[in-house]
C-alpha atoms as a PDB file:
ATOM      1  CA  MET A   1       0.019   0.014  -0.003  1.00  0.00           C
ATOM      2  CA  ALA A   2       2.944   2.207  -0.442  1.00  0.00           C
ATOM      3  CA  GLN A   3       2.139   5.659  -1.973  1.00  0.00           C
ATOM      4  CA  GLU A   4       4.047   7.992  -3.762  1.00  0.00           C
ATOM      5  CA  LYS A   5       6.534  10.002  -1.896  1.00  0.00           C
ATOM      6  CA  GLN A   6       6.737  13.875  -2.113  1.00  0.00           C
ATOM      7  CA  ASP A   7       9.344  16.344  -0.984  1.00  0.00           C
ATOM      8  CA  ASN A   8       7.384  18.397   1.856  1.00  0.00           C
ATOM      9  CA  GLY A   9       9.764  21.354   1.120  1.00  0.00           C
ATOM     10  CA  HIS A  10      11.375  21.397   4.539  1.00  0.00           C
ATOM     11  CA  ALA A  11      13.302  19.052   6.813  1.00  0.00           C
ATOM     12  CA  THR A  12      11.488  17.378   9.483  1.00  0.00           C
ATOM     13  CA  GLU A  13      13.530  15.766  12.448  1.00  0.00           C
ATOM     14  CA  ILE A  14      12.701  12.290  13.504  1.00  0.00           C
ATOM     15  CA  TYR A  15      14.163   9.991  15.943  1.00  0.00           C
ATOM     16  CA  VAL A  16      14.969   6.306  14.778  1.00  0.00           C
ATOM     17  CA  ASN A  17      16.257   4.211  17.886  1.00  0.00           C
ATOM     18  CA  THR A  18      16.813   7.430  19.837  1.00  0.00           C
ATOM     19  CA  ARG A  19      19.047   9.028  16.945  1.00  0.00           C
ATOM     20  CA  PRO A  20      17.865  12.202  15.427  1.00  0.00           C
ATOM     21  CA  HIS A  21      17.571  12.200  11.642  1.00  0.00           C
ATOM     22  CA  THR A  22      16.401  14.816   9.064  1.00  0.00           C
ATOM     23  CA  TRP A  23      13.885  13.497   6.711  1.00  0.00           C
ATOM     24  CA  ASN A  24      12.729  15.437   3.615  1.00  0.00           C
ATOM     25  CA  GLU A  25       9.569  13.794   2.536  1.00  0.00           C
ATOM     26  CA  ASN A  26       5.960  13.363   3.794  1.00  0.00           C
ATOM     27  CA  LYS A  27       6.117   9.833   4.272  1.00  0.00           C
ATOM     28  CA  ILE A  28       8.696   7.041   5.418  1.00  0.00           C
ATOM     29  CA  SER A  29       8.751   3.634   4.431  1.00  0.00           C
ATOM     30  CA  TYR A  30       9.337   0.225   6.416  1.00  0.00           C
ATOM     31  CA  SER A  31      12.604  -0.260   4.290  1.00  0.00           C
ATOM     32  CA  GLU A  32      13.768   3.431   4.586  1.00  0.00           C
ATOM     33  CA  LEU A  33      13.585   3.100   8.337  1.00  0.00           C
ATOM     34  CA  LEU A  34      15.584  -0.159   8.201  1.00  0.00           C
ATOM     35  CA  ALA A  35      18.471   1.718   6.207  1.00  0.00           C
ATOM     36  CA  LEU A  36      18.327   4.446   9.023  1.00  0.00           C
ATOM     37  CA  ALA A  37      18.405   1.791  11.787  1.00  0.00           C
ATOM     38  CA  PHE A  38      20.858  -0.194  10.554  1.00  0.00           C
ATOM     39  CA  PRO A  39      22.973   1.501   7.815  1.00  0.00           C
ATOM     40  CA  GLY A  40      25.081  -0.567   5.534  1.00  0.00           C
ATOM     41  CA  GLU A  41      23.909  -4.058   7.298  1.00  0.00           C
ATOM     42  CA  GLN A  42      21.882  -6.492   5.491  1.00  0.00           C
ATOM     43  CA  VAL A  43      18.523  -8.148   7.070  1.00  0.00           C
ATOM     44  CA  GLY A  44      18.854 -11.914   6.521  1.00  0.00           C
ATOM     45  CA  GLU A  45      16.134 -14.531   5.943  1.00  0.00           C
ATOM     46  CA  GLN A  46      16.550 -15.541   9.708  1.00  0.00           C
ATOM     47  CA  ASP A  47      16.095 -11.971  10.990  1.00  0.00           C
ATOM     48  CA  THR A  48      12.818 -10.602  12.182  1.00  0.00           C
ATOM     49  CA  VAL A  49      12.163  -6.803  12.420  1.00  0.00           C
ATOM     50  CA  THR A  50       9.825  -4.963  14.431  1.00  0.00           C
ATOM     51  CA  ILE A  51       9.110  -1.190  13.889  1.00  0.00           C
ATOM     52  CA  ARG A  52       6.912   0.568  16.182  1.00  0.00           C
ATOM     53  CA  TYR A  53       6.170   4.302  15.874  1.00  0.00           C
ATOM     54  CA  SER A  54       4.774   7.067  18.491  1.00  0.00           C
ATOM     55  CA  ARG A  55       4.117  10.842  18.091  1.00  0.00           C
ATOM     56  CA  GLY A  56       2.635  10.519  14.667  1.00  0.00           C
ATOM     57  CA  ASN A  57      -0.237  12.479  13.115  1.00  0.00           C
ATOM     58  CA  ASN A  58      -3.821  12.810  14.339  1.00  0.00           C
ATOM     59  CA  GLY A  59      -5.525   9.431  13.758  1.00  0.00           C
ATOM     60  CA  ASN A  60      -2.250   7.597  13.290  1.00  0.00           C
ATOM     61  CA  GLY A  61      -0.277   8.806  16.602  1.00  0.00           C
ATOM     62  CA  ALA A  62       0.897   5.228  17.389  1.00  0.00           C
ATOM     63  CA  GLY A  63       1.308   1.816  15.795  1.00  0.00           C
ATOM     64  CA  SER A  64       3.400  -0.443  14.031  1.00  0.00           C
ATOM     65  CA  LEU A  65       4.792  -0.722  10.299  1.00  0.00           C
ATOM     66  CA  THR A  66       5.235  -3.925   8.160  1.00  0.00           C
ATOM     67  CA  ASN A  67       7.048  -4.633   5.107  1.00  0.00           C
ATOM     68  CA  GLY A  68       5.663  -2.785   2.161  1.00  0.00           C
ATOM     69  CA  HIS A  69       3.816   0.007   3.941  1.00  0.00           C
ATOM     70  CA  ASP A  70       4.859   3.635   4.938  1.00  0.00           C
ATOM     71  CA  VAL A  71       3.547   6.153   7.263  1.00  0.00           C
ATOM     72  CA  SER A  72       3.084   9.962   7.342  1.00  0.00           C
ATOM     73  CA  VAL A  73       6.024  11.799   9.006  1.00  0.00           C
ATOM     74  CA  LYS A  74       5.374  14.511  11.777  1.00  0.00           C
ATOM     75  CA  LYS A  75       8.058  16.403  13.225  1.00  0.00           C
ATOM     76  CA  GLY A  76       9.572  14.656  16.575  1.00  0.00           C
ATOM     77  CA  MET A  77       8.074  11.384  15.601  1.00  0.00           C
ATOM     78  CA  VAL A  78       9.809   8.501  17.384  1.00  0.00           C
ATOM     79  CA  PHE A  79      10.589   5.054  15.670  1.00  0.00           C
ATOM     80  CA  ASP A  80      11.803   1.808  17.299  1.00  0.00           C
ATOM     81  CA  VAL A  81      13.430  -0.512  14.979  1.00  0.00           C
ATOM     82  CA  VAL A  82      14.237  -3.901  16.503  1.00  0.00           C
ATOM     83  CA  ARG A  83      15.928  -6.680  14.994  1.00  0.00           C
ATOM     84  CA  THR A  84      15.986 -10.290  16.074  1.00  0.00           C
ATOM     85  CA  SER A  85      17.970 -13.377  14.807  1.00  0.00           C
ATOM     86  CA  ARG A  86      16.937 -16.904  15.095  1.00  0.00           C
ATOM     87  CA  SER A  87      19.939 -19.257  15.881  1.00  0.00           C
END
């Protein structure tokens, strides 16, 4: 259900795993959050990733994000990206 992303004309500060990031689009996707949370790392088949967010837009203030989806970005929005591996 990914929608076309558009540059919102200004930088928005978001937090991914407590680290601040500047985002320039209206929406952010599951895969984009993975890249911000784990730069340069590959997520393997045995990895499970959970993405939860809070401080979002009205009606979508908190929730979880699944692969292939995106969410509207708001200043100060917080994302927790957790990766677990089976051994």
